[in-house]
């Protein structure tokens, strides 16, 4: 049986590889995605739409990652290094600005070994300052 830590580590490796299909393979059909800005998304289809949008607007890598896991729960702390590629609705105009900010996430894994919750946090005000808002 694969551990929660291994599943979360592989999920974030897929993120860093830019492989959203591999990311989606790690999540449950009924997964819940919570972000600190915006409404929760319920279901793999909405998570896939979110990932497609993010891929269009941002190129990001997560570094300095630390993953804590206990049972079916995990927490990850990381640094997000990115480039703002295309203007996102309601945000400043994109012109290739780069940014670097701390972030974190809480995740849970179901009995089938699939991630059924991803809750992410970052400082939006810090990001806005970095992209020149």
Protein backbone atom coordinates (compact mmCIF):
# COMPACT_ATOMS: atom_id res chain seq x y z
CA UNK A 1 0.00 0.00 0.00
CA UNK A 2 1.30 3.46 -0.92
CA UNK A 3 1.60 5.93 1.92
CA UNK A 4 -0.14 9.30 2.06
CA UNK A 5 3.27 10.96 1.98
CA UNK A 6 4.24 9.05 -1.21
CA UNK A 7 0.96 9.98 -2.92
CA UNK A 8 1.30 13.66 -2.05
CA UNK A 9 4.96 13.68 -3.08
CA UNK A 10 4.08 12.15 -6.46
CA UNK A 11 1.19 14.62 -6.91
CA UNK A 12 3.53 17.58 -6.41
CA UNK A 13 6.19 16.01 -8.66
CA UNK A 14 3.53 15.92 -11.40
CA UNK A 15 2.74 19.59 -10.66
CA UNK A 16 6.40 20.55 -11.03
CA UNK A 17 6.64 18.56 -14.26
CA UNK A 18 3.68 20.53 -15.63
CA UNK A 19 1.82 17.25 -16.14
CA UNK A 20 -1.77 18.05 -15.23
CA UNK A 21 -2.98 14.68 -16.53
CA UNK A 22 -0.70 12.95 -14.02
CA UNK A 23 -1.95 15.30 -11.28
CA UNK A 24 -5.54 14.39 -12.13
CA UNK A 25 -4.68 10.68 -11.88
CA UNK A 26 -3.93 11.25 -8.18
CA UNK A 27 -7.29 12.87 -7.32
CA UNK A 28 -10.68 11.34 -6.60
CA UNK A 29 -13.68 12.06 -8.84
CA UNK A 30 -15.47 13.75 -5.92
CA UNK A 31 -12.44 15.69 -4.65
CA UNK A 32 -12.82 19.09 -3.01
CA UNK A 33 -10.48 21.94 -3.92
CA UNK A 34 -10.37 24.93 -1.59
CA UNK A 35 -8.28 28.00 -2.36
CA UNK A 36 -7.82 31.02 -0.13
CA UNK A 37 -9.22 33.25 -2.87
CA UNK A 38 -12.45 32.05 -4.46
CA UNK A 39 -15.16 29.50 -4.04
CA UNK A 40 -14.52 25.82 -3.32
CA UNK A 41 -14.62 23.49 -6.31
CA UNK A 42 -16.21 20.08 -5.95
CA UNK A 43 -15.23 17.33 -8.37
CA UNK A 44 -12.40 16.32 -10.61
CA UNK A 45 -13.90 18.03 -13.67
CA UNK A 46 -13.87 21.47 -12.01
CA UNK A 47 -10.36 20.83 -10.72
CA UNK A 48 -9.27 19.99 -14.29
CA UNK A 49 -10.80 23.27 -15.53
CA UNK A 50 -8.95 25.16 -12.79
CA UNK A 51 -5.66 23.49 -13.76
CA UNK A 52 -6.17 24.37 -17.45
CA UNK A 53 -6.81 27.99 -16.49
CA UNK A 54 -3.75 28.11 -14.24
CA UNK A 55 -1.55 26.58 -16.96
CA UNK A 56 -2.67 29.31 -19.37
CA UNK A 57 -2.03 32.16 -16.93
CA UNK A 58 0.94 30.99 -14.84
CA UNK A 59 4.08 28.89 -15.01
CA UNK A 60 5.04 27.78 -11.51
CA UNK A 61 7.54 25.56 -9.72
CA UNK A 62 7.36 24.54 -6.07
CA UNK A 63 10.67 24.37 -4.22
CA UNK A 64 11.88 23.97 -0.65
CA UNK A 65 9.01 21.54 -0.15
CA UNK A 66 8.40 19.89 3.20
CA UNK A 67 5.61 17.33 3.46
CA UNK A 68 4.20 16.14 6.76
CA UNK A 69 1.86 13.14 6.76
CA UNK A 70 -0.07 11.29 9.42
CA UNK A 71 -2.62 8.64 8.49
CA UNK A 72 -4.77 9.93 5.64
CA UNK A 73 -3.82 13.61 6.13
CA UNK A 74 -0.89 15.64 4.85
CA UNK A 75 0.40 19.18 4.96
CA UNK A 76 2.89 20.66 2.53
CA UNK A 77 4.92 23.85 2.84
CA UNK A 78 6.77 25.25 -0.17
CA UNK A 79 8.02 28.27 -2.08
CA UNK A 80 6.13 29.14 -5.26
CA UNK A 81 8.37 30.56 -7.98
CA UNK A 82 6.42 31.63 -11.01
CA UNK A 83 5.88 33.72 -14.09
CA UNK A 84 2.61 35.53 -14.77
CA UNK A 85 1.96 34.60 -18.43
CA UNK A 86 -1.57 35.79 -19.29
CA UNK A 87 -3.88 38.24 -17.54
CA UNK A 88 -6.18 36.51 -15.08
CA UNK A 89 -9.71 37.94 -14.65
CA UNK A 90 -9.84 40.65 -12.00
CA UNK A 91 -6.07 40.74 -11.54
CA UNK A 92 -3.37 43.09 -12.88
CA UNK A 93 -2.27 42.83 -16.48
CA UNK A 94 0.29 40.11 -17.14
CA UNK A 95 3.53 40.95 -18.90
CA UNK A 96 5.82 38.13 -17.83
CA UNK A 97 6.30 39.30 -14.24
CA UNK A 98 8.05 36.83 -11.98
CA UNK A 99 7.20 36.17 -8.35
CA UNK A 100 8.35 34.12 -5.40
CA UNK A 101 6.21 33.56 -2.33
CA UNK A 102 5.60 31.03 0.41
CA UNK A 103 2.61 28.74 0.16
CA UNK A 104 1.11 25.74 1.80
CA UNK A 105 -1.55 23.10 1.43
CA UNK A 106 -3.54 20.59 3.41
CA UNK A 107 -4.56 17.37 1.72
CA UNK A 108 -6.43 14.20 2.54
CA UNK A 109 -6.29 10.80 0.87
CA UNK A 110 -9.24 8.40 0.71
CA UNK A 111 -9.26 4.62 1.21
CA UNK A 112 -8.65 4.13 -2.54
CA UNK A 113 -5.36 6.03 -2.29
CA UNK A 114 -6.68 9.10 -4.11
CA UNK A 115 -6.47 12.69 -2.94
CA UNK A 116 -9.97 13.81 -2.02
CA UNK A 117 -9.17 17.29 -0.65
CA UNK A 118 -6.63 19.96 -1.52
CA UNK A 119 -6.73 23.22 0.43
CA UNK A 120 -4.13 25.78 -0.65
CA UNK A 121 -2.92 28.98 0.98
CA UNK A 122 -0.70 31.82 -0.17
CA UNK A 123 -0.53 35.57 0.46
CA UNK A 124 -2.42 37.28 -2.38
CA UNK A 125 -1.32 40.76 -1.25
CA UNK A 126 2.33 39.68 -1.44
CA UNK A 127 1.76 38.30 -4.95
CA UNK A 128 0.01 41.53 -6.06
CA UNK A 129 2.95 43.62 -4.84
CA UNK A 130 5.39 41.38 -6.69
CA UNK A 131 3.55 41.66 -10.01
CA UNK A 132 3.26 45.42 -9.70
CA UNK A 133 -0.35 45.94 -8.66
